[in-house]
Amino acid sequence: MKTNFKQKMNQFTEEETSRIIEMAWEDRTPFEAIERLFGVGEPEVIEIMRRNIKRKTFNNWRARVSGRKTKHLKLRSPDVSRGYCSTQYKPVRKR
């Protein structure tokens, strides 16, 4: 593994790592969106997932994501215009 990637992995805060994992879990969020926001491509996202979640959970995720057209912009249908469900992100209410 390249030193450059190890340095990238160490630069993420716990919150950023958590967000990368969350985005990777989302079926409609393409790897390109993660790369645009965090500067890590699909192989690095896979490595982050491998290192931060349980092995069985990782295996289930890989099986689900492998070949999934919505995880790659070039493979996804033009009908999919956003990376998340419209009800996924709800406004935070202030008290």
Protein backbone atom coordinates (compact mmCIF):
# COMPACT_ATOMS: atom_id res chain seq x y z
CA MET A 1 0.00 0.00 0.00
CA LYS A 2 1.31 3.43 -0.86
CA THR A 3 2.55 5.76 1.87
CA ASN A 4 0.49 8.55 0.31
CA PHE A 5 -2.73 6.62 0.97
CA LYS A 6 -1.71 5.83 4.55
CA GLN A 7 -1.13 9.54 5.11
CA LYS A 8 -4.58 10.32 3.66
CA MET A 9 -6.22 7.76 5.95
CA ASN A 10 -4.58 9.33 8.97
CA GLN A 11 -5.64 12.84 8.00
CA PHE A 12 -9.37 12.10 8.33
CA THR A 13 -11.07 12.93 11.60
CA GLU A 14 -13.34 10.35 13.18
CA GLU A 15 -16.31 12.38 11.92
CA GLU A 16 -14.98 12.45 8.33
CA THR A 17 -14.27 8.70 8.38
CA SER A 18 -17.78 8.13 9.68
CA ARG A 19 -19.23 10.25 6.85
CA ILE A 20 -17.20 8.36 4.22
CA ILE A 21 -18.57 5.07 5.60
CA GLU A 22 -22.10 6.47 5.66
CA MET A 23 -21.83 7.63 2.04
CA ALA A 24 -20.39 4.26 1.00
CA TRP A 25 -23.39 2.52 2.59
CA GLU A 26 -25.86 4.69 0.70
CA ASP A 27 -26.83 2.82 -2.45
CA ARG A 28 -27.45 5.93 -4.51
CA THR A 29 -24.29 7.81 -3.55
CA PRO A 30 -21.68 7.20 -6.26
CA PHE A 31 -18.02 6.65 -5.42
CA GLU A 32 -17.29 9.74 -7.52
CA ALA A 33 -19.19 11.90 -5.00
CA ILE A 34 -17.04 10.54 -2.17
CA GLU A 35 -13.94 11.23 -4.24
CA ARG A 36 -15.08 14.76 -4.99
CA LEU A 37 -15.70 15.53 -1.29
CA PHE A 38 -12.84 13.65 0.36
CA GLY A 39 -10.27 13.00 -2.37
CA VAL A 40 -10.34 9.20 -2.05
CA GLY A 41 -11.33 6.91 -4.92
CA GLU A 42 -13.16 3.60 -4.86
CA PRO A 43 -10.12 1.47 -3.87
CA GLU A 44 -9.41 3.76 -0.91
CA VAL A 45 -13.07 3.75 0.14
CA ILE A 46 -12.98 -0.05 0.08
CA GLU A 47 -9.88 0.00 2.28
CA ILE A 48 -11.50 2.48 4.71
CA MET A 49 -14.54 0.22 4.94
CA ARG A 50 -12.34 -2.86 5.42
CA ARG A 51 -10.45 -1.23 8.30
CA ASN A 52 -13.40 0.35 10.09
CA ILE A 53 -16.28 -2.13 10.03
CA LYS A 54 -16.60 -5.77 11.06
CA ARG A 55 -15.45 -8.35 8.54
CA LYS A 56 -18.89 -9.90 7.99
CA THR A 57 -20.42 -6.46 7.60
CA PHE A 58 -17.70 -5.54 5.10
CA ASN A 59 -18.29 -8.76 3.13
CA ASN A 60 -22.05 -8.06 3.01
CA TRP A 61 -21.39 -4.48 1.85
CA ARG A 62 -18.97 -5.61 -0.89
CA ALA A 63 -21.44 -8.20 -2.15
CA ARG A 64 -24.18 -5.58 -2.30
CA VAL A 65 -22.07 -2.82 -3.88
CA SER A 66 -20.20 -4.93 -6.43
CA GLY A 67 -21.69 -4.27 -9.81
CA ARG A 68 -24.32 -1.87 -8.46
CA LYS A 69 -24.95 0.63 -11.23
CA THR A 70 -25.95 3.47 -8.90
CA LYS A 71 -22.52 3.44 -7.23
CA HIS A 72 -20.80 4.50 -10.48
CA LEU A 73 -21.84 7.61 -12.40
CA LYS A 74 -20.90 6.12 -15.78
CA LEU A 75 -23.14 3.08 -15.22
CA ARG A 76 -26.11 4.80 -13.66
CA SER A 77 -29.30 5.63 -15.49
CA PRO A 78 -29.83 9.28 -16.48
CA ASP A 79 -33.14 9.02 -14.59
CA VAL A 80 -31.20 9.04 -11.31
CA SER A 81 -30.58 12.72 -10.83
CA ARG A 82 -29.48 12.81 -7.18
CA GLY A 83 -27.42 10.71 -4.84
CA TYR A 84 -29.95 10.35 -2.05
CA CYS A 85 -33.62 9.95 -1.34
CA SER A 86 -35.49 13.27 -1.12
CA THR A 87 -36.60 12.42 2.43
CA GLN A 88 -33.16 11.31 3.62
CA TYR A 89 -31.89 14.69 4.77
CA LYS A 90 -34.47 16.51 6.79
CA PRO A 91 -33.92 20.04 8.12
CA VAL A 92 -32.74 20.22 11.72
CA ARG A 93 -35.25 21.91 13.98
CA LYS A 94 -33.93 24.54 16.34
CA ARG A 95 -35.35 24.60 19.84
